[in-house]
Amino acid sequence: MALSESGSSSDHLNDDERDCIDLCTEAATLCEWCADECLGDAEMEDCARLCRDVADIASLHARLLARNSTSSSQIATICADLSETCAEECAQHDADHCQACAELLPEAAESCRQMATP
């Protein structure tokens, strides 16, 4: 069950925040998969590094947003920027894992941008 479908434990969050947490969590998962698949291929080093960075920052942003941290807005901007850069890199590769990232990350970036605005 996605956070956006859960009940009382996330009542302090609005729908956009829940959606952003879900997207960031999914982005982190996909990027971990993509990075793992790219390891060992010298041509995919940039992709693997960017995906690992996105996985870390997206996971962090989801946690900060869930606990209503005053730092989540700043991290949201970084997460959005990095997600867009990673999506561009992944879009250059035909592998399924790269294409999955390229498809999801722009949506995650847009959601994070919404969280970055005061």
PDB file of N, CA and C in Angstrom:
ATOM      1  N   MET A   1       0.846  -1.167   0.000  1.00  0.00           N
ATOM      2  CA  MET A   1       0.000   0.000   0.000  1.00  0.00           C
ATOM      3  C   MET A   1       0.896   1.235   0.000  1.00  0.00           C
ATOM      4  N   ALA A   2       0.603   2.168  -0.867  1.00  0.00           N
ATOM      5  CA  ALA A   2       1.357   3.412  -0.938  1.00  0.00           C
ATOM      6  C   ALA A   2       0.984   4.311   0.229  1.00  0.00           C
ATOM      7  N   LEU A   3       1.924   5.186   0.572  1.00  0.00           N
ATOM      8  CA  LEU A   3       1.673   6.126   1.663  1.00  0.00           C
ATOM      9  C   LEU A   3       0.440   6.969   1.381  1.00  0.00           C
ATOM     10  N   SER A   4       0.220   7.300   0.100  1.00  0.00           N
ATOM     11  CA  SER A   4      -0.933   8.120  -0.249  1.00  0.00           C
ATOM     12  C   SER A   4      -2.257   7.410   0.010  1.00  0.00           C
ATOM     13  N   GLU A   5      -2.202   6.075   0.192  1.00  0.00           N
ATOM     14  CA  GLU A   5      -3.419   5.316   0.454  1.00  0.00           C
ATOM     15  C   GLU A   5      -3.565   4.953   1.927  1.00  0.00           C
ATOM     16  N   SER A   6      -2.559   5.258   2.728  1.00  0.00           N
ATOM     17  CA  SER A   6      -2.611   4.865   4.131  1.00  0.00           C
ATOM     18  C   SER A   6      -3.410   5.855   4.952  1.00  0.00           C
ATOM     19  N   GLY A   7      -3.642   5.483   6.166  1.00  0.00           N
ATOM     20  CA  GLY A   7      -4.511   6.285   7.006  1.00  0.00           C
ATOM     21  C   GLY A   7      -3.802   7.140   8.018  1.00  0.00           C
ATOM     22  N   SER A   8      -4.140   6.957   9.262  1.00  0.00           N
ATOM     23  CA  SER A   8      -3.835   7.876  10.346  1.00  0.00           C
ATOM     24  C   SER A   8      -2.369   8.186  10.568  1.00  0.00           C
ATOM     25  N   SER A   9      -1.441   7.296  10.255  1.00  0.00           N
ATOM     26  CA  SER A   9      -0.034   7.567  10.537  1.00  0.00           C
ATOM     27  C   SER A   9       0.516   8.710   9.697  1.00  0.00           C
ATOM     28  N   SER A  10      -0.174   9.085   8.651  1.00  0.00           N
ATOM     29  CA  SER A  10       0.300  10.179   7.802  1.00  0.00           C
ATOM     30  C   SER A  10      -0.721  11.313   7.689  1.00  0.00           C
ATOM     31  N   ASP A  11      -1.583  11.425   8.681  1.00  0.00           N
ATOM     32  CA  ASP A  11      -2.624  12.450   8.638  1.00  0.00           C
ATOM     33  C   ASP A  11      -2.066  13.865   8.618  1.00  0.00           C
ATOM     34  N   HIS A  12      -0.839  14.047   9.095  1.00  0.00           N
ATOM     35  CA  HIS A  12      -0.248  15.382   9.115  1.00  0.00           C
ATOM     36  C   HIS A  12       0.229  15.825   7.731  1.00  0.00           C
ATOM     37  N   LEU A  13       0.192  14.930   6.751  1.00  0.00           N
ATOM     38  CA  LEU A  13       0.642  15.232   5.393  1.00  0.00           C
ATOM     39  C   LEU A  13      -0.541  15.510   4.479  1.00  0.00           C
ATOM     40  N   ASN A  14      -0.340  16.424   3.537  1.00  0.00           N
ATOM     41  CA  ASN A  14      -1.386  16.628   2.531  1.00  0.00           C
ATOM     42  C   ASN A  14      -1.146  15.671   1.357  1.00  0.00           C
ATOM     43  N   ASP A  15      -2.064  15.620   0.417  1.00  0.00           N
ATOM     44  CA  ASP A  15      -1.972  14.673  -0.694  1.00  0.00           C
ATOM     45  C   ASP A  15      -0.710  14.889  -1.527  1.00  0.00           C
ATOM     46  N   ASP A  16      -0.336  16.142  -1.779  1.00  0.00           N
ATOM     47  CA  ASP A  16       0.872  16.412  -2.565  1.00  0.00           C
ATOM     48  C   ASP A  16       2.124  15.913  -1.850  1.00  0.00           C
ATOM     49  N   GLU A  17       2.163  16.078  -0.542  1.00  0.00           N
ATOM     50  CA  GLU A  17       3.309  15.579   0.229  1.00  0.00           C
ATOM     51  C   GLU A  17       3.374  14.056   0.191  1.00  0.00           C
ATOM     52  N   ARG A  18       2.228  13.406   0.341  1.00  0.00           N
ATOM     53  CA  ARG A  18       2.194  11.949   0.269  1.00  0.00           C
ATOM     54  C   ARG A  18       2.645  11.460  -1.106  1.00  0.00           C
ATOM     55  N   ASP A  19       2.152  12.120  -2.141  1.00  0.00           N
ATOM     56  CA  ASP A  19       2.549  11.746  -3.504  1.00  0.00           C
ATOM     57  C   ASP A  19       4.051  11.917  -3.705  1.00  0.00           C
ATOM     58  N   CYS A  20       4.606  12.993  -3.191  1.00  0.00           N
ATOM     59  CA  CYS A  20       6.035  13.241  -3.334  1.00  0.00           C
ATOM     60  C   CYS A  20       6.845  12.171  -2.605  1.00  0.00           C
ATOM     61  N   ILE A  21       6.411  11.810  -1.427  1.00  0.00           N
ATOM     62  CA  ILE A  21       7.096  10.753  -0.685  1.00  0.00           C
ATOM     63  C   ILE A  21       7.051   9.447  -1.472  1.00  0.00           C
ATOM     64  N   ASP A  22       5.895   9.120  -2.025  1.00  0.00           N
ATOM     65  CA  ASP A  22       5.766   7.897  -2.827  1.00  0.00           C
ATOM     66  C   ASP A  22       6.681   7.939  -4.054  1.00  0.00           C
ATOM     67  N   LEU A  23       6.704   9.079  -4.748  1.00  0.00           N
ATOM     68  CA  LEU A  23       7.545   9.205  -5.939  1.00  0.00           C
ATOM     69  C   LEU A  23       9.029   9.146  -5.590  1.00  0.00           C
ATOM     70  N   CYS A  24       9.415   9.790  -4.514  1.00  0.00           N
ATOM     71  CA  CYS A  24      10.819   9.755  -4.094  1.00  0.00           C
ATOM     72  C   CYS A  24      11.234   8.343  -3.693  1.00  0.00           C
ATOM     73  N   THR A  25      10.353   7.640  -3.029  1.00  0.00           N
ATOM     74  CA  THR A  25      10.647   6.263  -2.631  1.00  0.00           C
ATOM     75  C   THR A  25      10.780   5.368  -3.858  1.00  0.00           C
ATOM     76  N   GLU A  26       9.886   5.540  -4.806  1.00  0.00           N
ATOM     77  CA  GLU A  26       9.962   4.764  -6.043  1.00  0.00           C
ATOM     78  C   GLU A  26      11.209   5.134  -6.842  1.00  0.00           C
ATOM     79  N   ALA A  27      11.546   6.422  -6.884  1.00  0.00           N
ATOM     80  CA  ALA A  27      12.756   6.860  -7.584  1.00  0.00           C
ATOM     81  C   ALA A  27      13.998   6.240  -6.950  1.00  0.00           C
ATOM     82  N   ALA A  28      14.047   6.235  -5.634  1.00  0.00           N
ATOM     83  CA  ALA A  28      15.196   5.645  -4.944  1.00  0.00           C
ATOM     84  C   ALA A  28      15.336   4.161  -5.289  1.00  0.00           C
ATOM     85  N   THR A  29      14.232   3.456  -5.307  1.00  0.00           N
ATOM     86  CA  THR A  29      14.247   2.027  -5.616  1.00  0.00           C
ATOM     87  C   THR A  29      14.697   1.779  -7.053  1.00  0.00           C
ATOM     88  N   LEU A  30      14.114   2.503  -7.994  1.00  0.00           N
ATOM     89  CA  LEU A  30      14.488   2.339  -9.401  1.00  0.00           C
ATOM     90  C   LEU A  30      15.945   2.706  -9.640  1.00  0.00           C
ATOM     91  N   CYS A  31      16.392   3.775  -9.023  1.00  0.00           N
ATOM     92  CA  CYS A  31      17.773   4.214  -9.222  1.00  0.00           C
ATOM     93  C   CYS A  31      18.773   3.235  -8.621  1.00  0.00           C
ATOM     94  N   GLU A  32      18.428   2.603  -7.513  1.00  0.00           N
ATOM     95  CA  GLU A  32      19.300   1.575  -6.955  1.00  0.00           C
ATOM     96  C   GLU A  32      19.416   0.404  -7.931  1.00  0.00           C
ATOM     97  N   TRP A  33      18.298   0.008  -8.505  1.00  0.00           N
ATOM     98  CA  TRP A  33      18.287  -1.076  -9.491  1.00  0.00           C
ATOM     99  C   TRP A  33      19.128  -0.691 -10.705  1.00  0.00           C
ATOM    100  N   CYS A  34      18.914   0.504 -11.218  1.00  0.00           N
ATOM    101  CA  CYS A  34      19.643   0.960 -12.396  1.00  0.00           C
ATOM    102  C   CYS A  34      21.145   1.010 -12.113  1.00  0.00           C
ATOM    103  N   ALA A  35      21.525   1.593 -10.993  1.00  0.00           N
ATOM    104  CA  ALA A  35      22.945   1.682 -10.643  1.00  0.00           C
ATOM    105  C   ALA A  35      23.570   0.296 -10.544  1.00  0.00           C
ATOM    106  N   ASP A  36      22.856  -0.627  -9.928  1.00  0.00           N
ATOM    107  CA  ASP A  36      23.371  -1.983  -9.786  1.00  0.00           C
ATOM    108  C   ASP A  36      23.573  -2.637 -11.149  1.00  0.00           C
ATOM    109  N   GLU A  37      22.640  -2.434 -12.042  1.00  0.00           N
ATOM    110  CA  GLU A  37      22.739  -3.019 -13.382  1.00  0.00           C
ATOM    111  C   GLU A  37      23.872  -2.385 -14.197  1.00  0.00           C
ATOM    112  N   CYS A  38      24.177  -1.131 -13.926  1.00  0.00           N
ATOM    113  CA  CYS A  38      25.211  -0.410 -14.681  1.00  0.00           C
ATOM    114  C   CYS A  38      26.623  -0.698 -14.178  1.00  0.00           C
ATOM    115  N   LEU A  39      26.743  -1.203 -12.963  1.00  0.00           N
ATOM    116  CA  LEU A  39      28.064  -1.465 -12.391  1.00  0.00           C
ATOM    117  C   LEU A  39      28.863  -2.429 -13.268  1.00  0.00           C
ATOM    118  N   GLY A  40      30.138  -2.129 -13.406  1.00  0.00           N
ATOM    119  CA  GLY A  40      31.020  -2.989 -14.173  1.00  0.00           C
ATOM    120  C   GLY A  40      31.109  -2.642 -15.643  1.00  0.00           C
ATOM    121  N   ASP A  41      30.253  -1.761 -16.111  1.00  0.00           N
ATOM    122  CA  ASP A  41      30.283  -1.321 -17.509  1.00  0.00           C
ATOM    123  C   ASP A  41      30.855   0.092 -17.543  1.00  0.00           C
ATOM    124  N   ALA A  42      32.061   0.233 -18.061  1.00  0.00           N
ATOM    125  CA  ALA A  42      32.753   1.523 -18.050  1.00  0.00           C
ATOM    126  C   ALA A  42      31.946   2.627 -18.737  1.00  0.00           C
ATOM    127  N   GLU A  43      31.172   2.266 -19.732  1.00  0.00           N
ATOM    128  CA  GLU A  43      30.362   3.262 -20.451  1.00  0.00           C
ATOM    129  C   GLU A  43      29.170   3.733 -19.623  1.00  0.00           C
ATOM    130  N   MET A  44      28.860   3.018 -18.557  1.00  0.00           N
ATOM    131  CA  MET A  44      27.682   3.334 -17.748  1.00  0.00           C
ATOM    132  C   MET A  44      28.049   3.920 -16.385  1.00  0.00           C
ATOM    133  N   GLU A  45      29.310   4.279 -16.195  1.00  0.00           N
ATOM    134  CA  GLU A  45      29.743   4.789 -14.894  1.00  0.00           C
ATOM    135  C   GLU A  45      29.002   6.061 -14.492  1.00  0.00           C
ATOM    136  N   ASP A  46      28.837   7.003 -15.417  1.00  0.00           N
ATOM    137  CA  ASP A  46      28.122   8.244 -15.085  1.00  0.00           C
ATOM    138  C   ASP A  46      26.683   7.951 -14.684  1.00  0.00           C
ATOM    139  N   CYS A  47      26.067   7.036 -15.402  1.00  0.00           N
ATOM    140  CA  CYS A  47      24.684   6.662 -15.098  1.00  0.00           C
ATOM    141  C   CYS A  47      24.599   6.055 -13.694  1.00  0.00           C
ATOM    142  N   ALA A  48      25.510   5.142 -13.401  1.00  0.00           N
ATOM    143  CA  ALA A  48      25.495   4.489 -12.091  1.00  0.00           C
ATOM    144  C   ALA A  48      25.706   5.495 -10.971  1.00  0.00           C
ATOM    145  N   ARG A  49      26.647   6.407 -11.148  1.00  0.00           N
ATOM    146  CA  ARG A  49      26.920   7.409 -10.113  1.00  0.00           C
ATOM    147  C   ARG A  49      25.716   8.328  -9.889  1.00  0.00           C
ATOM    148  N   LEU A  50      25.134   8.813 -10.979  1.00  0.00           N
ATOM    149  CA  LEU A  50      23.966   9.693 -10.843  1.00  0.00           C
ATOM    150  C   LEU A  50      22.807   8.963 -10.183  1.00  0.00           C
ATOM    151  N   CYS A  51      22.589   7.729 -10.577  1.00  0.00           N
ATOM    152  CA  CYS A  51      21.489   6.959  -9.985  1.00  0.00           C
ATOM    153  C   CYS A  51      21.706   6.745  -8.492  1.00  0.00           C
ATOM    154  N   ARG A  52      22.923   6.470  -8.102  1.00  0.00           N
ATOM    155  CA  ARG A  52      23.199   6.287  -6.674  1.00  0.00           C
ATOM    156  C   ARG A  52      22.972   7.599  -5.918  1.00  0.00           C
ATOM    157  N   ASP A  53      23.365   8.716  -6.519  1.00  0.00           N
ATOM    158  CA  ASP A  53      23.131  10.016  -5.885  1.00  0.00           C
ATOM    159  C   ASP A  53      21.636  10.287  -5.725  1.00  0.00           C
ATOM    160  N   VAL A  54      20.872  10.012  -6.784  1.00  0.00           N
ATOM    161  CA  VAL A  54      19.424  10.221  -6.715  1.00  0.00           C
ATOM    162  C   VAL A  54      18.803   9.302  -5.666  1.00  0.00           C
ATOM    163  N   ALA A  55      19.216   8.060  -5.636  1.00  0.00           N
ATOM    164  CA  ALA A  55      18.665   7.129  -4.643  1.00  0.00           C
ATOM    165  C   ALA A  55      18.871   7.666  -3.233  1.00  0.00           C
ATOM    166  N   ASP A  56      20.066   8.175  -2.966  1.00  0.00           N
ATOM    167  CA  ASP A  56      20.347   8.709  -1.628  1.00  0.00           C
ATOM    168  C   ASP A  56      19.547   9.964  -1.323  1.00  0.00           C
ATOM    169  N   ILE A  57      19.535  10.923  -2.242  1.00  0.00           N
ATOM    170  CA  ILE A  57      18.873  12.204  -1.957  1.00  0.00           C
ATOM    171  C   ILE A  57      17.350  12.047  -1.970  1.00  0.00           C
ATOM    172  N   ALA A  58      16.822  11.190  -2.831  1.00  0.00           N
ATOM    173  CA  ALA A  58      15.369  10.973  -2.861  1.00  0.00           C
ATOM    174  C   ALA A  58      14.902  10.294  -1.578  1.00  0.00           C
ATOM    175  N   SER A  59      15.673   9.340  -1.118  1.00  0.00           N
ATOM    176  CA  SER A  59      15.343   8.664   0.142  1.00  0.00           C
ATOM    177  C   SER A  59      15.392   9.652   1.306  1.00  0.00           C
ATOM    178  N   LEU A  60      16.417  10.466   1.331  1.00  0.00           N
ATOM    179  CA  LEU A  60      16.529  11.484   2.377  1.00  0.00           C
ATOM    180  C   LEU A  60      15.367  12.459   2.313  1.00  0.00           C
ATOM    181  N   HIS A  61      15.037  12.919   1.105  1.00  0.00           N
ATOM    182  CA  HIS A  61      13.934  13.874   0.991  1.00  0.00           C
ATOM    183  C   HIS A  61      12.618  13.275   1.475  1.00  0.00           C
ATOM    184  N   ALA A  62      12.358  12.030   1.128  1.00  0.00           N
ATOM    185  CA  ALA A  62      11.124  11.381   1.579  1.00  0.00           C
ATOM    186  C   ALA A  62      11.064  11.333   3.098  1.00  0.00           C
ATOM    187  N   ARG A  63      12.176  11.004   3.737  1.00  0.00           N
ATOM    188  CA  ARG A  63      12.196  10.932   5.208  1.00  0.00           C
ATOM    189  C   ARG A  63      12.006  12.312   5.836  1.00  0.00           C
ATOM    190  N   LEU A  64      12.675  13.319   5.294  1.00  0.00           N
ATOM    191  CA  LEU A  64      12.537  14.674   5.844  1.00  0.00           C
ATOM    192  C   LEU A  64      11.117  15.206   5.666  1.00  0.00           C
ATOM    193  N   LEU A  65      10.558  14.943   4.505  1.00  0.00           N
ATOM    194  CA  LEU A  65       9.191  15.395   4.239  1.00  0.00           C
ATOM    195  C   LEU A  65       8.202  14.694   5.166  1.00  0.00           C
ATOM    196  N   ALA A  66       8.391  13.418   5.396  1.00  0.00           N
ATOM    197  CA  ALA A  66       7.490  12.651   6.261  1.00  0.00           C
ATOM    198  C   ALA A  66       7.488  13.171   7.687  1.00  0.00           C
ATOM    199  N   ARG A  67       8.620  13.680   8.131  1.00  0.00           N
ATOM    200  CA  ARG A  67       8.674  14.182   9.499  1.00  0.00           C
ATOM    201  C   ARG A  67       8.535  15.695   9.576  1.00  0.00           C
ATOM    202  N   ASN A  68       8.130  16.322   8.474  1.00  0.00           N
ATOM    203  CA  ASN A  68       7.865  17.758   8.426  1.00  0.00           C
ATOM    204  C   ASN A  68       9.100  18.574   8.820  1.00  0.00           C
ATOM    205  N   SER A  69      10.257  18.142   8.347  1.00  0.00           N
ATOM    206  CA  SER A  69      11.506  18.828   8.650  1.00  0.00           C
ATOM    207  C   SER A  69      11.546  20.200   7.977  1.00  0.00           C
ATOM    208  N   THR A  70      12.120  21.158   8.656  1.00  0.00           N
ATOM    209  CA  THR A  70      12.283  22.493   8.072  1.00  0.00           C
ATOM    210  C   THR A  70      13.322  22.483   6.957  1.00  0.00           C
ATOM    211  N   SER A  71      14.089  21.427   6.829  1.00  0.00           N
ATOM    212  CA  SER A  71      15.103  21.314   5.778  1.00  0.00           C
ATOM    213  C   SER A  71      14.571  20.660   4.506  1.00  0.00           C
ATOM    214  N   SER A  72      13.372  20.131   4.535  1.00  0.00           N
ATOM    215  CA  SER A  72      12.883  19.367   3.385  1.00  0.00           C
ATOM    216  C   SER A  72      12.751  20.222   2.130  1.00  0.00           C
ATOM    217  N   SER A  73      12.427  21.497   2.263  1.00  0.00           N
ATOM    218  CA  SER A  73      12.289  22.363   1.093  1.00  0.00           C
ATOM    219  C   SER A  73      13.621  22.531   0.366  1.00  0.00           C
ATOM    220  N   GLN A  74      14.687  22.691   1.125  1.00  0.00           N
ATOM    221  CA  GLN A  74      16.013  22.838   0.508  1.00  0.00           C
ATOM    222  C   GLN A  74      16.436  21.547  -0.171  1.00  0.00           C
ATOM    223  N   ILE A  75      16.194  20.428   0.476  1.00  0.00           N
ATOM    224  CA  ILE A  75      16.554  19.134  -0.095  1.00  0.00           C
ATOM    225  C   ILE A  75      15.682  18.838  -1.319  1.00  0.00           C
ATOM    226  N   ALA A  76      14.446  19.312  -1.312  1.00  0.00           N
ATOM    227  CA  ALA A  76      13.559  19.104  -2.457  1.00  0.00           C
ATOM    228  C   ALA A  76      14.146  19.713  -3.724  1.00  0.00           C
ATOM    229  N   THR A  77      14.726  20.889  -3.606  1.00  0.00           N
ATOM    230  CA  THR A  77      15.333  21.539  -4.771  1.00  0.00           C
ATOM    231  C   THR A  77      16.502  20.724  -5.294  1.00  0.00           C
ATOM    232  N   ILE A  78      17.352  20.269  -4.396  1.00  0.00           N
ATOM    233  CA  ILE A  78      18.500  19.451  -4.796  1.00  0.00           C
ATOM    234  C   ILE A  78      18.018  18.150  -5.437  1.00  0.00           C
ATOM    235  N   CYS A  79      17.015  17.546  -4.846  1.00  0.00           N
ATOM    236  CA  CYS A  79      16.470  16.288  -5.359  1.00  0.00           C
ATOM    237  C   CYS A  79      15.901  16.491  -6.766  1.00  0.00           C
ATOM    238  N   ALA A  80      15.181  17.577  -6.971  1.00  0.00           N
ATOM    239  CA  ALA A  80      14.610  17.860  -8.287  1.00  0.00           C
ATOM    240  C   ALA A  80      15.702  18.061  -9.331  1.00  0.00           C
ATOM    241  N   ASP A  81      16.708  18.866  -8.997  1.00  0.00           N
ATOM    242  CA  ASP A  81      17.797  19.120  -9.941  1.00  0.00           C
ATOM    243  C   ASP A  81      18.526  17.832 -10.307  1.00  0.00           C
ATOM    244  N   LEU A  82      18.872  17.051  -9.305  1.00  0.00           N
ATOM    245  CA  LEU A  82      19.607  15.821  -9.529  1.00  0.00           C
ATOM    246  C   LEU A  82      18.762  14.796 -10.292  1.00  0.00           C
ATOM    247  N   SER A  83      17.484  14.737  -9.995  1.00  0.00           N
ATOM    248  CA  SER A  83      16.590  13.813 -10.709  1.00  0.00           C
ATOM    249  C   SER A  83      16.501  14.165 -12.185  1.00  0.00           C
ATOM    250  N   GLU A  84      16.442  15.455 -12.496  1.00  0.00           N
ATOM    251  CA  GLU A  84      16.386  15.880 -13.900  1.00  0.00           C
ATOM    252  C   GLU A  84      17.676  15.520 -14.632  1.00  0.00           C
ATOM    253  N   THR A  85      18.810  15.749 -13.984  1.00  0.00           N
ATOM    254  CA  THR A  85      20.102  15.414 -14.591  1.00  0.00           C
ATOM    255  C   THR A  85      20.209  13.911 -14.827  1.00  0.00           C
ATOM    256  N   CYS A  86      19.801  13.135 -13.863  1.00  0.00           N
ATOM    257  CA  CYS A  86      19.852  11.681 -13.975  1.00  0.00           C
ATOM    258  C   CYS A  86      18.899  11.185 -15.071  1.00  0.00           C
ATOM    259  N   ALA A  87      17.720  11.768 -15.149  1.00  0.00           N
ATOM    260  CA  ALA A  87      16.765  11.369 -16.184  1.00  0.00           C
ATOM    261  C   ALA A  87      17.344  11.600 -17.579  1.00  0.00           C
ATOM    262  N   GLU A  88      18.040  12.714 -17.746  1.00  0.00           N
ATOM    263  CA  GLU A  88      18.668  13.010 -19.040  1.00  0.00           C
ATOM    264  C   GLU A  88      19.740  11.972 -19.366  1.00  0.00           C
ATOM    265  N   GLU A  89      20.546  11.606 -18.381  1.00  0.00           N
ATOM    266  CA  GLU A  89      21.582  10.592 -18.590  1.00  0.00           C
ATOM    267  C   GLU A  89      20.951   9.235 -18.912  1.00  0.00           C
ATOM    268  N   CYS A  90      19.974   8.829 -18.124  1.00  0.00           N
ATOM    269  CA  CYS A  90      19.347   7.528 -18.333  1.00  0.00           C
ATOM    270  C   CYS A  90      18.639   7.447 -19.685  1.00  0.00           C
ATOM    271  N   ALA A  91      18.080   8.547 -20.142  1.00  0.00           N
ATOM    272  CA  ALA A  91      17.362   8.561 -21.422  1.00  0.00           C
ATOM    273  C   ALA A  91      18.284   8.242 -22.602  1.00  0.00           C
ATOM    274  N   GLN A  92      19.564   8.395 -22.402  1.00  0.00           N
ATOM    275  CA  GLN A  92      20.534   8.126 -23.477  1.00  0.00           C
ATOM    276  C   GLN A  92      20.822   6.642 -23.652  1.00  0.00           C
ATOM    277  N   HIS A  93      20.324   5.814 -22.762  1.00  0.00           N
ATOM    278  CA  HIS A  93      20.636   4.389 -22.780  1.00  0.00           C
ATOM    279  C   HIS A  93      19.369   3.568 -23.026  1.00  0.00           C
ATOM    280  N   ASP A  94      19.516   2.495 -23.780  1.00  0.00           N
ATOM    281  CA  ASP A  94      18.366   1.667 -24.165  1.00  0.00           C
ATOM    282  C   ASP A  94      17.941   0.637 -23.130  1.00  0.00           C
ATOM    283  N   ALA A  95      18.768   0.405 -22.130  1.00  0.00           N
ATOM    284  CA  ALA A  95      18.457  -0.635 -21.141  1.00  0.00           C
ATOM    285  C   ALA A  95      17.138  -0.338 -20.429  1.00  0.00           C
ATOM    286  N   ASP A  96      16.420  -1.400 -20.100  1.00  0.00           N
ATOM    287  CA  ASP A  96      15.122  -1.248 -19.429  1.00  0.00           C
ATOM    288  C   ASP A  96      15.242  -0.460 -18.132  1.00  0.00           C
ATOM    289  N   HIS A  97      16.271  -0.738 -17.351  1.00  0.00           N
ATOM    290  CA  HIS A  97      16.432  -0.043 -16.070  1.00  0.00           C
ATOM    291  C   HIS A  97      16.673   1.444 -16.282  1.00  0.00           C
ATOM    292  N   CYS A  98      17.418   1.797 -17.314  1.00  0.00           N
ATOM    293  CA  CYS A  98      17.655   3.213 -17.608  1.00  0.00           C
ATOM    294  C   CYS A  98      16.371   3.886 -18.086  1.00  0.00           C
ATOM    295  N   GLN A  99      15.642   3.207 -18.933  1.00  0.00           N
ATOM    296  CA  GLN A  99      14.405   3.779 -19.449  1.00  0.00           C
ATOM    297  C   GLN A  99      13.357   3.944 -18.351  1.00  0.00           C
ATOM    298  N   ALA A 100      13.336   3.020 -17.395  1.00  0.00           N
ATOM    299  CA  ALA A 100      12.413   3.149 -16.263  1.00  0.00           C
ATOM    300  C   ALA A 100      12.740   4.406 -15.464  1.00  0.00           C
ATOM    301  N   CYS A 101      14.019   4.650 -15.227  1.00  0.00           N
ATOM    302  CA  CYS A 101      14.436   5.864 -14.513  1.00  0.00           C
ATOM    303  C   CYS A 101      14.083   7.108 -15.318  1.00  0.00           C
ATOM    304  N   ALA A 102      14.403   7.088 -16.599  1.00  0.00           N
ATOM    305  CA  ALA A 102      14.147   8.245 -17.461  1.00  0.00           C
ATOM    306  C   ALA A 102      12.659   8.605 -17.493  1.00  0.00           C
ATOM    307  N   GLU A 103      11.811   7.605 -17.341  1.00  0.00           N
ATOM    308  CA  GLU A 103      10.367   7.833 -17.354  1.00  0.00           C
ATOM    309  C   GLU A 103       9.854   8.391 -16.021  1.00  0.00           C
ATOM    310  N   LEU A 104      10.335   7.852 -14.918  1.00  0.00           N
ATOM    311  CA  LEU A 104       9.825   8.242 -13.602  1.00  0.00           C
ATOM    312  C   LEU A 104      10.446   9.533 -13.066  1.00  0.00           C
ATOM    313  N   LEU A 105      11.725   9.734 -13.288  1.00  0.00           N
ATOM    314  CA  LEU A 105      12.419  10.836 -12.625  1.00  0.00           C
ATOM    315  C   LEU A 105      11.892  12.233 -12.949  1.00  0.00           C
ATOM    316  N   PRO A 106      11.449  12.528 -14.165  1.00  0.00           N
ATOM    317  CA  PRO A 106      10.877  13.862 -14.383  1.00  0.00           C
ATOM    318  C   PRO A 106       9.627  14.132 -13.531  1.00  0.00           C
ATOM    319  N   GLU A 107       8.816  13.107 -13.338  1.00  0.00           N
ATOM    320  CA  GLU A 107       7.628  13.248 -12.493  1.00  0.00           C
ATOM    321  C   GLU A 107       8.029  13.469 -11.035  1.00  0.00           C
ATOM    322  N   ALA A 108       9.021  12.725 -10.586  1.00  0.00           N
ATOM    323  CA  ALA A 108       9.518  12.907  -9.224  1.00  0.00           C
ATOM    324  C   ALA A 108      10.118  14.298  -9.058  1.00  0.00           C
ATOM    325  N   ALA A 109      10.857  14.753 -10.060  1.00  0.00           N
ATOM    326  CA  ALA A 109      11.465  16.086 -10.005  1.00  0.00           C
ATOM    327  C   ALA A 109      10.394  17.172  -9.905  1.00  0.00           C
ATOM    328  N   GLU A 110       9.348  17.046 -10.684  1.00  0.00           N
ATOM    329  CA  GLU A 110       8.268  18.038 -10.643  1.00  0.00           C
ATOM    330  C   GLU A 110       7.600  18.051  -9.288  1.00  0.00           C
ATOM    331  N   SER A 111       7.367  16.886  -8.727  1.00  0.00           N
ATOM    332  CA  SER A 111       6.760  16.806  -7.402  1.00  0.00           C
ATOM    333  C   SER A 111       7.665  17.455  -6.351  1.00  0.00           C
ATOM    334  N   CYS A 112       8.954  17.196  -6.455  1.00  0.00           N
ATOM    335  CA  CYS A 112       9.900  17.820  -5.513  1.00  0.00           C
ATOM    336  C   CYS A 112       9.919  19.338  -5.680  1.00  0.00           C
ATOM    337  N   ARG A 113       9.837  19.804  -6.910  1.00  0.00           N
ATOM    338  CA  ARG A 113       9.801  21.272  -7.134  1.00  0.00           C
ATOM    339  C   ARG A 113       8.598  21.908  -6.428  1.00  0.00           C
ATOM    340  N   GLN A 114       7.483  21.202  -6.457  1.00  0.00           N
ATOM    341  CA  GLN A 114       6.296  21.713  -5.754  1.00  0.00           C
ATOM    342  C   GLN A 114       6.533  21.787  -4.238  1.00  0.00           C
ATOM    343  N   MET A 115       7.302  20.862  -3.718  1.00  0.00           N
ATOM    344  CA  MET A 115       7.605  20.855  -2.289  1.00  0.00           C
ATOM    345  C   MET A 115       8.646  21.920  -1.932  1.00  0.00           C
ATOM    346  N   ALA A 116       9.392  22.382  -2.920  1.00  0.00           N
ATOM    347  CA  ALA A 116      10.441  23.365  -2.684  1.00  0.00           C
ATOM    348  C   ALA A 116       9.902  24.790  -2.592  1.00  0.00           C
ATOM    349  N   THR A 117       8.725  24.999  -3.120  1.00  0.00           N
ATOM    350  CA  THR A 117       8.160  26.353  -3.089  1.00  0.00           C
ATOM    351  C   THR A 117       7.539  26.605  -1.716  1.00  0.00           C
ATOM    352  N   PRO A 118       7.854  27.737  -1.140  1.00  0.00           N
ATOM    353  CA  PRO A 118       7.346  28.051   0.216  1.00  0.00           C
ATOM    354  C   PRO A 118       5.842  28.258   0.264  1.00  0.00           C
TER     355      PRO A 118
END
